[in-house]
């Protein structure tokens, strides 16, 4: 159950937030859950959970904002700049602003990670 408190707080379980398909021109076999965002009153950061299914990917792209990522489960690969890195449960990742990055799941399990961005990076 998602709780919204009198001081503007929001609490809940990540798996109770609706998973939205990431559009096919951006990714394959990938969902996003917006846990915290500006619509919740967050003035600075948005927190999302991505799930990339086996064989799935997010195409290479860049933004003028940073990403902070924490891998919750599964194994994946992330390209940052020209380098590919193998990542798994417990890995943290910083992607600097304006650096091209991409994700893929070559494994057999869901690759799940938290990604935090400035609210300026939310889709309008």
PDB file of N, CA and C in Angstrom:
ATOM      1  N   UNK A   1       0.843  -1.171   0.000  1.00  0.00           N
ATOM      2  CA  UNK A   1       0.000   0.000   0.000  1.00  0.00           C
ATOM      3  C   UNK A   1       0.899   1.248   0.000  1.00  0.00           C
ATOM      4  N   UNK A   2       0.563   2.191  -0.850  1.00  0.00           N
ATOM      5  CA  UNK A   2       1.291   3.454  -0.920  1.00  0.00           C
ATOM      6  C   UNK A   2       0.616   4.435   0.030  1.00  0.00           C
ATOM      7  N   UNK A   3       1.411   5.051   0.894  1.00  0.00           N
ATOM      8  CA  UNK A   3       0.895   5.987   1.884  1.00  0.00           C
ATOM      9  C   UNK A   3       1.434   7.368   1.564  1.00  0.00           C
ATOM     10  N   UNK A   4       0.555   8.332   1.582  1.00  0.00           N
ATOM     11  CA  UNK A   4       0.946   9.735   1.439  1.00  0.00           C
ATOM     12  C   UNK A   4       0.557  10.423   2.740  1.00  0.00           C
ATOM     13  N   UNK A   5       1.558  10.965   3.423  1.00  0.00           N
ATOM     14  CA  UNK A   5       1.335  11.531   4.743  1.00  0.00           C
ATOM     15  C   UNK A   5       1.061  13.024   4.733  1.00  0.00           C
ATOM     16  N   UNK A   6       0.714  13.551   5.891  1.00  0.00           N
ATOM     17  CA  UNK A   6       0.314  14.957   5.992  1.00  0.00           C
ATOM     18  C   UNK A   6       1.446  15.954   5.764  1.00  0.00           C
ATOM     19  N   UNK A   7       2.677  15.518   5.886  1.00  0.00           N
ATOM     20  CA  UNK A   7       3.814  16.431   5.657  1.00  0.00           C
ATOM     21  C   UNK A   7       4.362  16.319   4.247  1.00  0.00           C
ATOM     22  N   UNK A   8       3.681  15.564   3.381  1.00  0.00           N
ATOM     23  CA  UNK A   8       4.126  15.398   2.008  1.00  0.00           C
ATOM     24  C   UNK A   8       4.936  14.137   1.774  1.00  0.00           C
ATOM     25  N   UNK A   9       5.129  13.338   2.824  1.00  0.00           N
ATOM     26  CA  UNK A   9       5.904  12.110   2.675  1.00  0.00           C
ATOM     27  C   UNK A   9       5.141  11.084   1.836  1.00  0.00           C
ATOM     28  N   UNK A  10       5.891  10.163   1.258  1.00  0.00           N
ATOM     29  CA  UNK A  10       5.321   9.068   0.469  1.00  0.00           C
ATOM     30  C   UNK A  10       6.105   7.813   0.829  1.00  0.00           C
ATOM     31  N   UNK A  11       5.391   6.754   1.174  1.00  0.00           N
ATOM     32  CA  UNK A  11       6.011   5.484   1.523  1.00  0.00           C
ATOM     33  C   UNK A  11       5.279   4.373   0.794  1.00  0.00           C
ATOM     34  N   UNK A  12       6.009   3.353   0.436  1.00  0.00           N
ATOM     35  CA  UNK A  12       5.375   2.211  -0.206  1.00  0.00           C
ATOM     36  C   UNK A  12       6.414   1.187  -0.608  1.00  0.00           C
ATOM     37  N   UNK A  13       5.940   0.136  -1.201  1.00  0.00           N
ATOM     38  CA  UNK A  13       6.812  -0.905  -1.732  1.00  0.00           C
ATOM     39  C   UNK A  13       7.002  -0.660  -3.224  1.00  0.00           C
ATOM     40  N   UNK A  14       8.220  -0.838  -3.685  1.00  0.00           N
ATOM     41  CA  UNK A  14       8.536  -0.573  -5.089  1.00  0.00           C
ATOM     42  C   UNK A  14       7.679  -1.419  -6.022  1.00  0.00           C
ATOM     43  N   UNK A  15       7.368  -2.654  -5.598  1.00  0.00           N
ATOM     44  CA  UNK A  15       6.629  -3.557  -6.479  1.00  0.00           C
ATOM     45  C   UNK A  15       5.124  -3.282  -6.487  1.00  0.00           C
ATOM     46  N   UNK A  16       4.675  -2.291  -5.723  1.00  0.00           N
ATOM     47  CA  UNK A  16       3.275  -1.873  -5.772  1.00  0.00           C
ATOM     48  C   UNK A  16       3.068  -0.677  -6.693  1.00  0.00           C
ATOM     49  N   UNK A  17       4.152  -0.154  -7.227  1.00  0.00           N
ATOM     50  CA  UNK A  17       4.076   0.937  -8.198  1.00  0.00           C
ATOM     51  C   UNK A  17       3.935   0.322  -9.584  1.00  0.00           C
ATOM     52  N   UNK A  18       3.031   0.867 -10.376  1.00  0.00           N
ATOM     53  CA  UNK A  18       2.764   0.319 -11.703  1.00  0.00           C
ATOM     54  C   UNK A  18       4.012   0.359 -12.588  1.00  0.00           C
ATOM     55  N   UNK A  19       4.291  -0.759 -13.217  1.00  0.00           N
ATOM     56  CA  UNK A  19       5.388  -0.843 -14.187  1.00  0.00           C
ATOM     57  C   UNK A  19       4.873  -0.381 -15.546  1.00  0.00           C
ATOM     58  N   UNK A  20       5.597   0.550 -16.156  1.00  0.00           N
ATOM     59  CA  UNK A  20       5.247   1.056 -17.483  1.00  0.00           C
ATOM     60  C   UNK A  20       6.271   0.546 -18.484  1.00  0.00           C
ATOM     61  N   UNK A  21       5.818   0.128 -19.648  1.00  0.00           N
ATOM     62  CA  UNK A  21       6.744  -0.293 -20.698  1.00  0.00           C
ATOM     63  C   UNK A  21       7.527   0.916 -21.204  1.00  0.00           C
ATOM     64  N   UNK A  22       8.828   0.747 -21.339  1.00  0.00           N
ATOM     65  CA  UNK A  22       9.633   1.793 -21.965  1.00  0.00           C
ATOM     66  C   UNK A  22       9.394   1.667 -23.475  1.00  0.00           C
ATOM     67  N   UNK A  23       9.135   2.779 -24.173  1.00  0.00           N
ATOM     68  CA  UNK A  23       8.792   2.706 -25.596  1.00  0.00           C
ATOM     69  C   UNK A  23       9.823   1.929 -26.425  1.00  0.00           C
ATOM     70  N   UNK A  24       9.351   1.196 -27.447  1.00  0.00           N
ATOM     71  CA  UNK A  24      10.241   0.336 -28.233  1.00  0.00           C
ATOM     72  C   UNK A  24      11.297   1.062 -29.042  1.00  0.00           C
ATOM     73  N   UNK A  25      11.155   2.364 -29.258  1.00  0.00           N
ATOM     74  CA  UNK A  25      12.209   3.102 -29.951  1.00  0.00           C
ATOM     75  C   UNK A  25      13.364   3.440 -29.004  1.00  0.00           C
ATOM     76  N   UNK A  26      13.157   3.208 -27.708  1.00  0.00           N
ATOM     77  CA  UNK A  26      14.172   3.498 -26.693  1.00  0.00           C
ATOM     78  C   UNK A  26      14.768   2.221 -26.111  1.00  0.00           C
ATOM     79  N   UNK A  27      13.915   1.193 -25.955  1.00  0.00           N
ATOM     80  CA  UNK A  27      14.344  -0.011 -25.249  1.00  0.00           C
ATOM     81  C   UNK A  27      13.540  -1.219 -25.700  1.00  0.00           C
ATOM     82  N   UNK A  28      14.031  -2.397 -25.324  1.00  0.00           N
ATOM     83  CA  UNK A  28      13.318  -3.649 -25.570  1.00  0.00           C
ATOM     84  C   UNK A  28      13.256  -4.430 -24.265  1.00  0.00           C
ATOM     85  N   UNK A  29      12.106  -5.030 -24.003  1.00  0.00           N
ATOM     86  CA  UNK A  29      11.911  -5.871 -22.816  1.00  0.00           C
ATOM     87  C   UNK A  29      12.242  -5.127 -21.532  1.00  0.00           C
ATOM     88  N   UNK A  30      11.843  -3.832 -21.479  1.00  0.00           N
ATOM     89  CA  UNK A  30      12.220  -2.975 -20.356  1.00  0.00           C
ATOM     90  C   UNK A  30      11.006  -2.242 -19.803  1.00  0.00           C
ATOM     91  N   UNK A  31      10.899  -2.234 -18.453  1.00  0.00           N
ATOM     92  CA  UNK A  31       9.861  -1.458 -17.782  1.00  0.00           C
ATOM     93  C   UNK A  31      10.504  -0.460 -16.823  1.00  0.00           C
ATOM     94  N   UNK A  32       9.712   0.565 -16.482  1.00  0.00           N
ATOM     95  CA  UNK A  32      10.137   1.587 -15.524  1.00  0.00           C
ATOM     96  C   UNK A  32       9.025   1.775 -14.508  1.00  0.00           C
ATOM     97  N   UNK A  33       9.407   1.952 -13.245  1.00  0.00           N
ATOM     98  CA  UNK A  33       8.476   2.296 -12.171  1.00  0.00           C
ATOM     99  C   UNK A  33       8.968   3.606 -11.564  1.00  0.00           C
ATOM    100  N   UNK A  34       8.135   4.641 -11.630  1.00  0.00           N
ATOM    101  CA  UNK A  34       8.485   5.942 -11.060  1.00  0.00           C
ATOM    102  C   UNK A  34       8.097   5.922  -9.582  1.00  0.00           C
ATOM    103  N   UNK A  35       9.063   5.692  -8.699  1.00  0.00           N
ATOM    104  CA  UNK A  35       8.791   5.591  -7.268  1.00  0.00           C
ATOM    105  C   UNK A  35       8.551   6.963  -6.648  1.00  0.00           C
ATOM    106  N   UNK A  36       9.427   7.896  -6.950  1.00  0.00           N
ATOM    107  CA  UNK A  36       9.335   9.254  -6.412  1.00  0.00           C
ATOM    108  C   UNK A  36       9.646  10.203  -7.558  1.00  0.00           C
ATOM    109  N   UNK A  37       8.822  11.248  -7.678  1.00  0.00           N
ATOM    110  CA  UNK A  37       9.027  12.230  -8.746  1.00  0.00           C
ATOM    111  C   UNK A  37       8.465  13.572  -8.338  1.00  0.00           C
ATOM    112  N   UNK A  38       8.589  14.546  -9.208  1.00  0.00           N
ATOM    113  CA  UNK A  38       8.131  15.895  -8.879  1.00  0.00           C
ATOM    114  C   UNK A  38       6.634  15.923  -8.569  1.00  0.00           C
ATOM    115  N   UNK A  39       5.841  15.091  -9.221  1.00  0.00           N
ATOM    116  CA  UNK A  39       4.396  15.038  -8.948  1.00  0.00           C
ATOM    117  C   UNK A  39       4.107  14.620  -7.505  1.00  0.00           C
ATOM    118  N   UNK A  40       5.076  13.991  -6.859  1.00  0.00           N
ATOM    119  CA  UNK A  40       4.937  13.604  -5.446  1.00  0.00           C
ATOM    120  C   UNK A  40       5.403  14.715  -4.521  1.00  0.00           C
ATOM    121  N   UNK A  41       5.884  15.813  -5.095  1.00  0.00           N
ATOM    122  CA  UNK A  41       6.386  16.923  -4.292  1.00  0.00           C
ATOM    123  C   UNK A  41       7.897  16.932  -4.136  1.00  0.00           C
ATOM    124  N   UNK A  42       8.586  15.982  -4.760  1.00  0.00           N
ATOM    125  CA  UNK A  42      10.049  15.937  -4.666  1.00  0.00           C
ATOM    126  C   UNK A  42      10.633  17.092  -5.473  1.00  0.00           C
ATOM    127  N   UNK A  43      11.358  18.013  -4.834  1.00  0.00           N
ATOM    128  CA  UNK A  43      11.849  19.184  -5.548  1.00  0.00           C
ATOM    129  C   UNK A  43      13.161  18.967  -6.308  1.00  0.00           C
ATOM    130  N   UNK A  44      13.904  17.904  -5.981  1.00  0.00           N
ATOM    131  CA  UNK A  44      15.241  17.775  -6.556  1.00  0.00           C
ATOM    132  C   UNK A  44      15.492  16.506  -7.345  1.00  0.00           C
ATOM    133  N   UNK A  45      15.046  15.360  -6.842  1.00  0.00           N
ATOM    134  CA  UNK A  45      15.420  14.082  -7.448  1.00  0.00           C
ATOM    135  C   UNK A  45      14.217  13.203  -7.720  1.00  0.00           C
ATOM    136  N   UNK A  46      14.351  12.398  -8.758  1.00  0.00           N
ATOM    137  CA  UNK A  46      13.366  11.373  -9.091  1.00  0.00           C
ATOM    138  C   UNK A  46      14.036  10.012  -8.946  1.00  0.00           C
ATOM    139  N   UNK A  47      13.284   9.055  -8.388  1.00  0.00           N
ATOM    140  CA  UNK A  47      13.797   7.700  -8.204  1.00  0.00           C
ATOM    141  C   UNK A  47      12.942   6.739  -9.022  1.00  0.00           C
ATOM    142  N   UNK A  48      13.630   5.923  -9.828  1.00  0.00           N
ATOM    143  CA  UNK A  48      12.944   4.952 -10.672  1.00  0.00           C
ATOM    144  C   UNK A  48      13.545   3.571 -10.459  1.00  0.00           C
ATOM    145  N   UNK A  49      12.750   2.541 -10.759  1.00  0.00           N
ATOM    146  CA  UNK A  49      13.261   1.179 -10.829  1.00  0.00           C
ATOM    147  C   UNK A  49      13.057   0.711 -12.261  1.00  0.00           C
ATOM    148  N   UNK A  50      14.152   0.280 -12.875  1.00  0.00           N
ATOM    149  CA  UNK A  50      14.101  -0.316 -14.211  1.00  0.00           C
ATOM    150  C   UNK A  50      14.205  -1.822 -14.089  1.00  0.00           C
ATOM    151  N   UNK A  51      13.500  -2.521 -14.947  1.00  0.00           N
ATOM    152  CA  UNK A  51      13.623  -3.962 -15.061  1.00  0.00           C
ATOM    153  C   UNK A  51      13.825  -4.291 -16.535  1.00  0.00           C
ATOM    154  N   UNK A  52      14.962  -4.895 -16.826  1.00  0.00           N
ATOM    155  CA  UNK A  52      15.280  -5.290 -18.202  1.00  0.00           C
ATOM    156  C   UNK A  52      15.239  -6.811 -18.239  1.00  0.00           C
ATOM    157  N   UNK A  53      14.355  -7.344 -19.051  1.00  0.00           N
ATOM    158  CA  UNK A  53      14.219  -8.791 -19.177  1.00  0.00           C
ATOM    159  C   UNK A  53      15.383  -9.399 -19.939  1.00  0.00           C
ATOM    160  N   UNK A  54      15.522 -10.730 -19.867  1.00  0.00           N
ATOM    161  CA  UNK A  54      16.585 -11.422 -20.607  1.00  0.00           C
ATOM    162  C   UNK A  54      16.569 -11.036 -22.090  1.00  0.00           C
ATOM    163  N   UNK A  55      17.725 -10.657 -22.601  1.00  0.00           N
ATOM    164  CA  UNK A  55      17.839 -10.239 -23.998  1.00  0.00           C
ATOM    165  C   UNK A  55      17.412  -8.800 -24.241  1.00  0.00           C
ATOM    166  N   UNK A  56      16.987  -8.100 -23.193  1.00  0.00           N
ATOM    167  CA  UNK A  56      16.521  -6.726 -23.339  1.00  0.00           C
ATOM    168  C   UNK A  56      17.660  -5.719 -23.299  1.00  0.00           C
ATOM    169  N   UNK A  57      17.321  -4.476 -23.616  1.00  0.00           N
ATOM    170  CA  UNK A  57      18.337  -3.424 -23.678  1.00  0.00           C
ATOM    171  C   UNK A  57      17.682  -2.049 -23.607  1.00  0.00           C
ATOM    172  N   UNK A  58      18.488  -1.046 -23.302  1.00  0.00           N
ATOM    173  CA  UNK A  58      18.133   0.368 -23.442  1.00  0.00           C
ATOM    174  C   UNK A  58      19.197   0.954 -24.363  1.00  0.00           C
ATOM    175  N   UNK A  59      18.763   1.588 -25.451  1.00  0.00           N
ATOM    176  CA  UNK A  59      19.696   2.089 -26.462  1.00  0.00           C
ATOM    177  C   UNK A  59      20.628   3.150 -25.892  1.00  0.00           C
ATOM    178  N   UNK A  60      21.717   3.371 -26.578  1.00  0.00           N
ATOM    179  CA  UNK A  60      22.670   4.400 -26.167  1.00  0.00           C
ATOM    180  C   UNK A  60      22.032   5.774 -26.268  1.00  0.00           C
ATOM    181  N   UNK A  61      22.260   6.587 -25.254  1.00  0.00           N
ATOM    182  CA  UNK A  61      21.703   7.933 -25.189  1.00  0.00           C
ATOM    183  C   UNK A  61      22.528   8.745 -24.196  1.00  0.00           C
ATOM    184  N   UNK A  62      22.280  10.039 -24.138  1.00  0.00           N
ATOM    185  CA  UNK A  62      22.942  10.888 -23.144  1.00  0.00           C
ATOM    186  C   UNK A  62      21.985  11.996 -22.733  1.00  0.00           C
ATOM    187  N   UNK A  63      22.286  12.616 -21.602  1.00  0.00           N
ATOM    188  CA  UNK A  63      21.470  13.692 -21.041  1.00  0.00           C
ATOM    189  C   UNK A  63      22.400  14.725 -20.405  1.00  0.00           C
ATOM    190  N   UNK A  64      21.891  15.935 -20.179  1.00  0.00           N
ATOM    191  CA  UNK A  64      22.713  16.941 -19.486  1.00  0.00           C
ATOM    192  C   UNK A  64      22.670  16.788 -17.957  1.00  0.00           C
ATOM    193  N   UNK A  65      22.233  15.632 -17.468  1.00  0.00           N
ATOM    194  CA  UNK A  65      22.200  15.383 -16.030  1.00  0.00           C
ATOM    195  C   UNK A  65      22.864  14.048 -15.718  1.00  0.00           C
ATOM    196  N   UNK A  66      23.281  13.910 -14.481  1.00  0.00           N
ATOM    197  CA  UNK A  66      23.919  12.685 -14.006  1.00  0.00           C
ATOM    198  C   UNK A  66      22.882  11.611 -13.695  1.00  0.00           C
ATOM    199  N   UNK A  67      23.369  10.375 -13.550  1.00  0.00           N
ATOM    200  CA  UNK A  67      22.560   9.242 -13.070  1.00  0.00           C
ATOM    201  C   UNK A  67      23.312   8.613 -11.909  1.00  0.00           C
ATOM    202  N   UNK A  68      22.585   8.223 -10.882  1.00  0.00           N
ATOM    203  CA  UNK A  68      23.128   7.365  -9.830  1.00  0.00           C
ATOM    204  C   UNK A  68      22.328   6.079  -9.871  1.00  0.00           C
ATOM    205  N   UNK A  69      23.016   4.963  -9.965  1.00  0.00           N
ATOM    206  CA  UNK A  69      22.375   3.661 -10.176  1.00  0.00           C
ATOM    207  C   UNK A  69      22.837   2.699  -9.097  1.00  0.00           C
ATOM    208  N   UNK A  70      21.902   1.843  -8.652  1.00  0.00           N
ATOM    209  CA  UNK A  70      22.230   0.754  -7.729  1.00  0.00           C
ATOM    210  C   UNK A  70      21.534  -0.494  -8.233  1.00  0.00           C
ATOM    211  N   UNK A  71      22.318  -1.559  -8.487  1.00  0.00           N
ATOM    212  CA  UNK A  71      21.761  -2.799  -9.021  1.00  0.00           C
ATOM    213  C   UNK A  71      21.161  -3.618  -7.879  1.00  0.00           C
ATOM    214  N   UNK A  72      19.876  -3.915  -8.012  1.00  0.00           N
ATOM    215  CA  UNK A  72      19.160  -4.689  -7.005  1.00  0.00           C
ATOM    216  C   UNK A  72      19.288  -6.188  -7.223  1.00  0.00           C
ATOM    217  N   UNK A  73      19.196  -6.605  -8.493  1.00  0.00           N
ATOM    218  CA  UNK A  73      19.273  -8.041  -8.777  1.00  0.00           C
ATOM    219  C   UNK A  73      19.583  -8.269 -10.251  1.00  0.00           C
ATOM    220  N   UNK A  74      20.015  -9.476 -10.540  1.00  0.00           N
ATOM    221  CA  UNK A  74      20.347  -9.857 -11.904  1.00  0.00           C
ATOM    222  C   UNK A  74      21.732  -9.395 -12.302  1.00  0.00           C
ATOM    223  N   UNK A  75      22.084  -9.756 -13.507  1.00  0.00           N
ATOM    224  CA  UNK A  75      23.369  -9.374 -14.084  1.00  0.00           C
ATOM    225  C   UNK A  75      23.112  -8.606 -15.365  1.00  0.00           C
ATOM    226  N   UNK A  76      23.908  -7.592 -15.594  1.00  0.00           N
ATOM    227  CA  UNK A  76      23.739  -6.800 -16.793  1.00  0.00           C
ATOM    228  C   UNK A  76      25.062  -6.232 -17.245  1.00  0.00           C
ATOM    229  N   UNK A  77      24.954  -5.466 -18.307  1.00  0.00           N
ATOM    230  CA  UNK A  77      26.113  -4.755 -18.834  1.00  0.00           C
ATOM    231  C   UNK A  77      25.683  -3.318 -19.044  1.00  0.00           C
ATOM    232  N   UNK A  78      26.611  -2.400 -18.755  1.00  0.00           N
ATOM    233  CA  UNK A  78      26.357  -0.986 -19.002  1.00  0.00           C
ATOM    234  C   UNK A  78      27.538  -0.416 -19.761  1.00  0.00           C
ATOM    235  N   UNK A  79      27.216   0.323 -20.802  1.00  0.00           N
ATOM    236  CA  UNK A  79      28.237   1.027 -21.568  1.00  0.00           C
ATOM    237  C   UNK A  79      28.228   2.472 -21.108  1.00  0.00           C
ATOM    238  N   UNK A  80      29.391   2.975 -20.690  1.00  0.00           N
ATOM    239  CA  UNK A  80      29.551   4.367 -20.291  1.00  0.00           C
ATOM    240  C   UNK A  80      30.697   4.917 -21.121  1.00  0.00           C
ATOM    241  N   UNK A  81      30.386   5.904 -21.956  1.00  0.00           N
ATOM    242  CA  UNK A  81      31.399   6.377 -22.907  1.00  0.00           C
ATOM    243  C   UNK A  81      31.695   5.254 -23.888  1.00  0.00           C
ATOM    244  N   UNK A  82      32.945   4.857 -23.977  1.00  0.00           N
ATOM    245  CA  UNK A  82      33.346   3.784 -24.895  1.00  0.00           C
ATOM    246  C   UNK A  82      33.547   2.443 -24.184  1.00  0.00           C
ATOM    247  N   UNK A  83      33.382   2.402 -22.863  1.00  0.00           N
ATOM    248  CA  UNK A  83      33.668   1.197 -22.079  1.00  0.00           C
ATOM    249  C   UNK A  83      32.398   0.451 -21.700  1.00  0.00           C
ATOM    250  N   UNK A  84      32.441  -0.889 -21.809  1.00  0.00           N
ATOM    251  CA  UNK A  84      31.370  -1.759 -21.307  1.00  0.00           C
ATOM    252  C   UNK A  84      31.808  -2.329 -19.963  1.00  0.00           C
ATOM    253  N   UNK A  85      30.879  -2.381 -19.007  1.00  0.00           N
ATOM    254  CA  UNK A  85      31.141  -2.921 -17.679  1.00  0.00           C
ATOM    255  C   UNK A  85      30.104  -3.993 -17.357  1.00  0.00           C
ATOM    256  N   UNK A  86      30.564  -5.120 -16.816  1.00  0.00           N
ATOM    257  CA  UNK A  86      29.666  -6.142 -16.302  1.00  0.00           C
ATOM    258  C   UNK A  86      29.292  -5.751 -14.888  1.00  0.00           C
ATOM    259  N   UNK A  87      27.993  -5.759 -14.585  1.00  0.00           N
ATOM    260  CA  UNK A  87      27.511  -5.354 -13.270  1.00  0.00           C
ATOM    261  C   UNK A  87      26.517  -6.388 -12.750  1.00  0.00           C
ATOM    262  N   UNK A  88      26.351  -6.416 -11.439  1.00  0.00           N
ATOM    263  CA  UNK A  88      25.413  -7.337 -10.820  1.00  0.00           C
ATOM    264  C   UNK A  88      24.942  -6.803  -9.488  1.00  0.00           C
ATOM    265  N   UNK A  89      24.195  -7.621  -8.790  1.00  0.00           N
ATOM    266  CA  UNK A  89      23.607  -7.239  -7.506  1.00  0.00           C
ATOM    267  C   UNK A  89      24.627  -6.570  -6.595  1.00  0.00           C
ATOM    268  N   UNK A  90      24.254  -5.408  -6.077  1.00  0.00           N
ATOM    269  CA  UNK A  90      25.114  -4.671  -5.157  1.00  0.00           C
ATOM    270  C   UNK A  90      26.040  -3.665  -5.812  1.00  0.00           C
ATOM    271  N   UNK A  91      26.113  -3.651  -7.145  1.00  0.00           N
ATOM    272  CA  UNK A  91      26.978  -2.702  -7.846  1.00  0.00           C
ATOM    273  C   UNK A  91      26.349  -1.311  -7.835  1.00  0.00           C
ATOM    274  N   UNK A  92      27.155  -0.290  -7.568  1.00  0.00           N
ATOM    275  CA  UNK A  92      26.686   1.091  -7.730  1.00  0.00           C
ATOM    276  C   UNK A  92      27.420   1.700  -8.916  1.00  0.00           C
ATOM    277  N   UNK A  93      26.758   2.636  -9.578  1.00  0.00           N
ATOM    278  CA  UNK A  93      27.278   3.207 -10.820  1.00  0.00           C
ATOM    279  C   UNK A  93      26.959   4.702 -10.843  1.00  0.00           C
ATOM    280  N   UNK A  94      27.929   5.499 -11.232  1.00  0.00           N
ATOM    281  CA  UNK A  94      27.719   6.922 -11.469  1.00  0.00           C
ATOM    282  C   UNK A  94      27.946   7.170 -12.951  1.00  0.00           C
ATOM    283  N   UNK A  95      26.955   7.757 -13.610  1.00  0.00           N
ATOM    284  CA  UNK A  95      27.091   8.149 -15.012  1.00  0.00           C
ATOM    285  C   UNK A  95      27.103   9.671 -15.042  1.00  0.00           C
ATOM    286  N   UNK A  96      28.230  10.283 -15.441  1.00  0.00           N
ATOM    287  CA  UNK A  96      28.316  11.746 -15.462  1.00  0.00           C
ATOM    288  C   UNK A  96      27.384  12.357 -16.517  1.00  0.00           C
ATOM    289  N   UNK A  97      27.064  13.641 -16.369  1.00  0.00           N
ATOM    290  CA  UNK A  97      26.253  14.327 -17.372  1.00  0.00           C
ATOM    291  C   UNK A  97      26.907  14.276 -18.755  1.00  0.00           C
ATOM    292  N   UNK A  98      26.061  14.208 -19.780  1.00  0.00           N
ATOM    293  CA  UNK A  98      26.464  14.290 -21.187  1.00  0.00           C
ATOM    294  C   UNK A  98      27.355  13.148 -21.659  1.00  0.00           C
ATOM    295  N   UNK A  99      27.462  12.062 -20.905  1.00  0.00           N
ATOM    296  CA  UNK A  99      28.257  10.905 -21.328  1.00  0.00           C
ATOM    297  C   UNK A  99      27.299   9.853 -21.888  1.00  0.00           C
ATOM    298  N   UNK A 100      27.509   9.413 -23.126  1.00  0.00           N
ATOM    299  CA  UNK A 100      26.633   8.382 -23.692  1.00  0.00           C
ATOM    300  C   UNK A 100      26.686   7.113 -22.843  1.00  0.00           C
ATOM    301  N   UNK A 101      25.511   6.472 -22.686  1.00  0.00           N
ATOM    302  CA  UNK A 101      25.424   5.244 -21.907  1.00  0.00           C
ATOM    303  C   UNK A 101      24.310   4.367 -22.472  1.00  0.00           C
ATOM    304  N   UNK A 102      24.452   3.060 -22.255  1.00  0.00           N
ATOM    305  CA  UNK A 102      23.483   2.071 -22.727  1.00  0.00           C
ATOM    306  C   UNK A 102      23.485   0.911 -21.747  1.00  0.00           C
ATOM    307  N   UNK A 103      22.416   0.122 -21.784  1.00  0.00           N
ATOM    308  CA  UNK A 103      22.270  -1.011 -20.873  1.00  0.00           C
ATOM    309  C   UNK A 103      21.844  -2.232 -21.670  1.00  0.00           C
ATOM    310  N   UNK A 104      22.247  -3.411 -21.196  1.00  0.00           N
ATOM    311  CA  UNK A 104      21.731  -4.641 -21.799  1.00  0.00           C
ATOM    312  C   UNK A 104      21.718  -5.753 -20.753  1.00  0.00           C
ATOM    313  N   UNK A 105      20.856  -6.715 -21.008  1.00  0.00           N
ATOM    314  CA  UNK A 105      20.746  -7.880 -20.135  1.00  0.00           C
ATOM    315  C   UNK A 105      21.051  -9.128 -20.952  1.00  0.00           C
ATOM    316  N   UNK A 106      22.285  -9.628 -20.882  1.00  0.00           N
ATOM    317  CA  UNK A 106      22.634 -10.845 -21.604  1.00  0.00           C
ATOM    318  C   UNK A 106      22.301 -12.117 -20.813  1.00  0.00           C
ATOM    319  N   UNK A 107      21.788 -11.952 -19.590  1.00  0.00           N
ATOM    320  CA  UNK A 107      21.545 -13.087 -18.703  1.00  0.00           C
ATOM    321  C   UNK A 107      20.190 -13.738 -18.892  1.00  0.00           C
ATOM    322  N   UNK A 108      19.874 -14.632 -17.975  1.00  0.00           N
ATOM    323  CA  UNK A 108      18.618 -15.381 -18.026  1.00  0.00           C
ATOM    324  C   UNK A 108      17.603 -14.886 -17.007  1.00  0.00           C
ATOM    325  N   UNK A 109      18.009 -13.961 -16.130  1.00  0.00           N
ATOM    326  CA  UNK A 109      17.117 -13.414 -15.109  1.00  0.00           C
ATOM    327  C   UNK A 109      16.892 -11.930 -15.376  1.00  0.00           C
ATOM    328  N   UNK A 110      15.902 -11.357 -14.712  1.00  0.00           N
ATOM    329  CA  UNK A 110      15.630  -9.926 -14.838  1.00  0.00           C
ATOM    330  C   UNK A 110      16.796  -9.135 -14.249  1.00  0.00           C
ATOM    331  N   UNK A 111      17.237  -8.122 -14.953  1.00  0.00           N
ATOM    332  CA  UNK A 111      18.256  -7.182 -14.500  1.00  0.00           C
ATOM    333  C   UNK A 111      17.487  -5.983 -13.948  1.00  0.00           C
ATOM    334  N   UNK A 112      17.545  -5.772 -12.621  1.00  0.00           N
ATOM    335  CA  UNK A 112      16.728  -4.765 -11.946  1.00  0.00           C
ATOM    336  C   UNK A 112      17.635  -3.768 -11.235  1.00  0.00           C
ATOM    337  N   UNK A 113      17.382  -2.468 -11.448  1.00  0.00           N
ATOM    338  CA  UNK A 113      18.204  -1.455 -10.793  1.00  0.00           C
ATOM    339  C   UNK A 113      17.415  -0.196 -10.483  1.00  0.00           C
ATOM    340  N   UNK A 114      17.856   0.489  -9.424  1.00  0.00           N
ATOM    341  CA  UNK A 114      17.343   1.807  -9.067  1.00  0.00           C
ATOM    342  C   UNK A 114      18.167   2.827  -9.852  1.00  0.00           C
ATOM    343  N   UNK A 115      17.500   3.843 -10.371  1.00  0.00           N
ATOM    344  CA  UNK A 115      18.190   4.926 -11.060  1.00  0.00           C
ATOM    345  C   UNK A 115      17.619   6.244 -10.553  1.00  0.00           C
ATOM    346  N   UNK A 116      18.493   7.106 -10.060  1.00  0.00           N
ATOM    347  CA  UNK A 116      18.091   8.403  -9.523  1.00  0.00           C
ATOM    348  C   UNK A 116      18.630   9.493 -10.446  1.00  0.00           C
ATOM    349  N   UNK A 117      17.732  10.416 -10.793  1.00  0.00           N
ATOM    350  CA  UNK A 117      18.084  11.544 -11.658  1.00  0.00           C
ATOM    351  C   UNK A 117      17.491  12.828 -11.072  1.00  0.00           C
ATOM    352  N   UNK A 118      17.962  13.981 -11.490  1.00  0.00           N
ATOM    353  CA  UNK A 118      17.290  15.230 -11.095  1.00  0.00           C
ATOM    354  C   UNK A 118      15.880  15.279 -11.692  1.00  0.00           C
ATOM    355  N   UNK A 119      14.956  15.922 -11.010  1.00  0.00           N
ATOM    356  CA  UNK A 119      13.603  16.005 -11.544  1.00  0.00           C
ATOM    357  C   UNK A 119      13.576  16.715 -12.903  1.00  0.00           C
ATOM    358  N   UNK A 120      14.600  17.498 -13.200  1.00  0.00           N
ATOM    359  CA  UNK A 120      14.682  18.142 -14.519  1.00  0.00           C
ATOM    360  C   UNK A 120      14.744  17.106 -15.640  1.00  0.00           C
ATOM    361  N   UNK A 121      15.135  15.868 -15.318  1.00  0.00           N
ATOM    362  CA  UNK A 121      15.218  14.802 -16.314  1.00  0.00           C
ATOM    363  C   UNK A 121      13.933  14.041 -16.522  1.00  0.00           C
ATOM    364  N   UNK A 122      12.894  14.356 -15.753  1.00  0.00           N
ATOM    365  CA  UNK A 122      11.612  13.681 -15.934  1.00  0.00           C
ATOM    366  C   UNK A 122      10.989  14.073 -17.281  1.00  0.00           C
ATOM    367  N   UNK A 123      10.305  13.127 -17.911  1.00  0.00           N
ATOM    368  CA  UNK A 123       9.605  13.500 -19.146  1.00  0.00           C
ATOM    369  C   UNK A 123       8.494  14.495 -18.839  1.00  0.00           C
ATOM    370  N   UNK A 124       8.304  15.407 -19.733  1.00  0.00           N
ATOM    371  CA  UNK A 124       7.266  16.445 -19.532  1.00  0.00           C
ATOM    372  C   UNK A 124       5.939  15.990 -20.080  1.00  0.00           C
TER     373      UNK A 124
END
